[in-house]
Amino acid sequence: MSVVNILSVCGSGTVTSSMVAAKLKEKLGEKGYSVSTTEARPTEALNLAQSGRFDILAHTSPLPDGDYGIPAVNAFACITGMGEDEFFDQIVEALKSVGK
């Protein structure tokens, strides 16, 4: 089982990012991943992403410009449900790109 750390970002850093985090834990758990998530606001995302603690970043709000140093995947599909399968495929590909 591969352990992954995901930074989940939304406008307020609470409701939507928690929903995305829960879906990531469920879907990636089905694929054999052990998932740890941290929820944050966009203003916190750059410093957290650069901390070295996270493998990927999933976001539903626009992110400030910067070098996050990890793959960032738009998670808006988790809100609408449209394109959700493609979103999870992108997450798995992002994890593979970082050796997970």
C-alpha atoms as a PDB file:
ATOM      1  CA  MET A   1       0.000   0.000   0.000  1.00  0.00           C
ATOM      2  CA  SER A   2       1.455   3.328  -1.075  1.00  0.00           C
ATOM      3  CA  VAL A   3       1.103   6.204   1.374  1.00  0.00           C
ATOM      4  CA  VAL A   4       0.275   9.566  -0.227  1.00  0.00           C
ATOM      5  CA  ASN A   5      -0.083  13.054   1.218  1.00  0.00           C
ATOM      6  CA  ILE A   6      -2.466  15.350  -0.612  1.00  0.00           C
ATOM      7  CA  LEU A   7      -3.006  19.069  -0.143  1.00  0.00           C
ATOM      8  CA  SER A   8      -6.665  19.910  -0.840  1.00  0.00           C
ATOM      9  CA  VAL A   9      -7.359  23.600  -1.537  1.00  0.00           C
ATOM     10  CA  CYS A  10     -10.606  25.559  -1.785  1.00  0.00           C
ATOM     11  CA  GLY A  11     -11.616  29.186  -1.278  1.00  0.00           C
ATOM     12  CA  SER A  12     -12.232  28.952   2.467  1.00  0.00           C
ATOM     13  CA  GLY A  13     -10.035  25.945   3.202  1.00  0.00           C
ATOM     14  CA  THR A  14     -12.866  24.038   4.859  1.00  0.00           C
ATOM     15  CA  VAL A  15     -16.054  22.780   3.220  1.00  0.00           C
ATOM     16  CA  THR A  16     -15.201  22.033  -0.409  1.00  0.00           C
ATOM     17  CA  SER A  17     -11.622  20.990   0.294  1.00  0.00           C
ATOM     18  CA  SER A  18     -12.909  18.571   2.955  1.00  0.00           C
ATOM     19  CA  MET A  19     -15.400  17.119   0.477  1.00  0.00           C
ATOM     20  CA  VAL A  20     -12.643  16.658  -2.131  1.00  0.00           C
ATOM     21  CA  ALA A  21     -10.370  15.138   0.516  1.00  0.00           C
ATOM     22  CA  ALA A  22     -13.045  12.616   1.523  1.00  0.00           C
ATOM     23  CA  LYS A  23     -13.625  11.584  -2.101  1.00  0.00           C
ATOM     24  CA  LEU A  24      -9.875  11.238  -2.683  1.00  0.00           C
ATOM     25  CA  LYS A  25      -9.514   9.033   0.406  1.00  0.00           C
ATOM     26  CA  GLU A  26     -12.402   6.823  -0.738  1.00  0.00           C
ATOM     27  CA  LYS A  27     -11.466   6.461  -4.408  1.00  0.00           C
ATOM     28  CA  LEU A  28      -7.712   6.148  -3.901  1.00  0.00           C
ATOM     29  CA  GLY A  29      -8.280   3.747  -1.015  1.00  0.00           C
ATOM     30  CA  GLU A  30     -10.099   1.483  -3.480  1.00  0.00           C
ATOM     31  CA  LYS A  31      -6.931   1.549  -5.599  1.00  0.00           C
ATOM     32  CA  GLY A  32      -4.693   0.529  -2.705  1.00  0.00           C
ATOM     33  CA  TYR A  33      -3.457   3.933  -1.545  1.00  0.00           C
ATOM     34  CA  SER A  34      -3.351   5.065   2.066  1.00  0.00           C
ATOM     35  CA  VAL A  35      -4.264   8.758   1.858  1.00  0.00           C
ATOM     36  CA  SER A  36      -3.553  11.581   4.262  1.00  0.00           C
ATOM     37  CA  THR A  37      -5.006  14.997   3.408  1.00  0.00           C
ATOM     38  CA  THR A  38      -4.626  18.545   4.631  1.00  0.00           C
ATOM     39  CA  GLU A  39      -7.178  21.206   3.744  1.00  0.00           C
ATOM     40  CA  ALA A  40      -6.080  24.781   3.052  1.00  0.00           C
ATOM     41  CA  ARG A  41      -6.983  28.144   1.516  1.00  0.00           C
ATOM     42  CA  PRO A  42      -5.352  29.327  -1.728  1.00  0.00           C
ATOM     43  CA  THR A  43      -3.293  31.886   0.203  1.00  0.00           C
ATOM     44  CA  GLU A  44      -1.717  29.042   2.210  1.00  0.00           C
ATOM     45  CA  ALA A  45      -1.206  26.665  -0.717  1.00  0.00           C
ATOM     46  CA  LEU A  46       2.166  27.826  -2.021  1.00  0.00           C
ATOM     47  CA  ASN A  47       3.979  27.656   1.321  1.00  0.00           C
ATOM     48  CA  LEU A  48       2.392  24.321   2.198  1.00  0.00           C
ATOM     49  CA  ALA A  49       3.141  22.816  -1.223  1.00  0.00           C
ATOM     50  CA  GLN A  50       6.771  23.932  -0.966  1.00  0.00           C
ATOM     51  CA  SER A  51       7.115  22.427   2.528  1.00  0.00           C
ATOM     52  CA  GLY A  52       7.978  19.005   1.101  1.00  0.00           C
ATOM     53  CA  ARG A  53       5.158  17.326   3.030  1.00  0.00           C
ATOM     54  CA  PHE A  54       2.830  16.755   0.072  1.00  0.00           C
ATOM     55  CA  ASP A  55       2.903  14.576  -3.042  1.00  0.00           C
ATOM     56  CA  ILE A  56       0.186  16.395  -5.007  1.00  0.00           C
ATOM     57  CA  LEU A  57      -2.237  19.294  -4.717  1.00  0.00           C
ATOM     58  CA  ALA A  58      -5.954  19.142  -5.595  1.00  0.00           C
ATOM     59  CA  HIS A  59      -7.714  22.507  -5.904  1.00  0.00           C
ATOM     60  CA  THR A  60     -11.198  23.855  -6.591  1.00  0.00           C
ATOM     61  CA  SER A  61     -10.230  27.536  -6.451  1.00  0.00           C
ATOM     62  CA  PRO A  62      -7.697  29.391  -8.564  1.00  0.00           C
ATOM     63  CA  LEU A  63      -4.196  29.242  -7.127  1.00  0.00           C
ATOM     64  CA  PRO A  64      -1.853  32.209  -6.819  1.00  0.00           C
ATOM     65  CA  ASP A  65       1.017  32.193  -9.304  1.00  0.00           C
ATOM     66  CA  GLY A  66       4.121  30.389  -8.135  1.00  0.00           C
ATOM     67  CA  ASP A  67       6.224  27.259  -8.353  1.00  0.00           C
ATOM     68  CA  TYR A  68       4.384  24.743  -6.235  1.00  0.00           C
ATOM     69  CA  GLY A  69       6.947  22.024  -6.863  1.00  0.00           C
ATOM     70  CA  ILE A  70       4.292  19.294  -6.944  1.00  0.00           C
ATOM     71  CA  PRO A  71       1.597  18.352  -9.474  1.00  0.00           C
ATOM     72  CA  ALA A  72      -1.557  20.462  -9.102  1.00  0.00           C
ATOM     73  CA  VAL A  73      -4.830  18.987 -10.361  1.00  0.00           C
ATOM     74  CA  ASN A  74      -8.059  20.955 -10.743  1.00  0.00           C
ATOM     75  CA  ALA A  75     -10.670  19.181  -8.588  1.00  0.00           C
ATOM     76  CA  PHE A  76     -13.741  21.126  -9.746  1.00  0.00           C
ATOM     77  CA  ALA A  77     -15.196  17.877 -11.146  1.00  0.00           C
ATOM     78  CA  CYS A  78     -15.671  16.701  -7.555  1.00  0.00           C
ATOM     79  CA  ILE A  79     -18.124  19.546  -7.015  1.00  0.00           C
ATOM     80  CA  THR A  80     -20.171  19.047 -10.177  1.00  0.00           C
ATOM     81  CA  GLY A  81     -19.771  15.291 -10.568  1.00  0.00           C
ATOM     82  CA  MET A  82     -19.148  15.872 -14.272  1.00  0.00           C
ATOM     83  CA  GLY A  83     -15.785  14.505 -15.327  1.00  0.00           C
ATOM     84  CA  GLU A  84     -15.122  12.979 -11.932  1.00  0.00           C
ATOM     85  CA  ASP A  85     -13.694   9.739 -13.362  1.00  0.00           C
ATOM     86  CA  GLU A  86     -11.256  11.751 -15.478  1.00  0.00           C
ATOM     87  CA  PHE A  87     -10.282  13.756 -12.394  1.00  0.00           C
ATOM     88  CA  PHE A  88      -9.405  10.599 -10.481  1.00  0.00           C
ATOM     89  CA  ASP A  89      -7.451   9.320 -13.509  1.00  0.00           C
ATOM     90  CA  GLN A  90      -5.483  12.590 -13.476  1.00  0.00           C
ATOM     91  CA  ILE A  91      -4.805  12.174  -9.762  1.00  0.00           C
ATOM     92  CA  VAL A  92      -3.476   8.638 -10.266  1.00  0.00           C
ATOM     93  CA  GLU A  93      -1.271   9.830 -13.138  1.00  0.00           C
ATOM     94  CA  ALA A  94       0.020  12.698 -10.984  1.00  0.00           C
ATOM     95  CA  LEU A  95       0.839  10.233  -8.212  1.00  0.00           C
ATOM     96  CA  LYS A  96       2.665   7.995 -10.654  1.00  0.00           C
ATOM     97  CA  SER A  97       4.653  11.004 -11.867  1.00  0.00           C
ATOM     98  CA  VAL A  98       5.996  11.469  -8.330  1.00  0.00           C
ATOM     99  CA  GLY A  99       6.746   7.777  -7.855  1.00  0.00           C
ATOM    100  CA  LYS A 100       3.651   6.718  -5.887  1.00  0.00           C
END
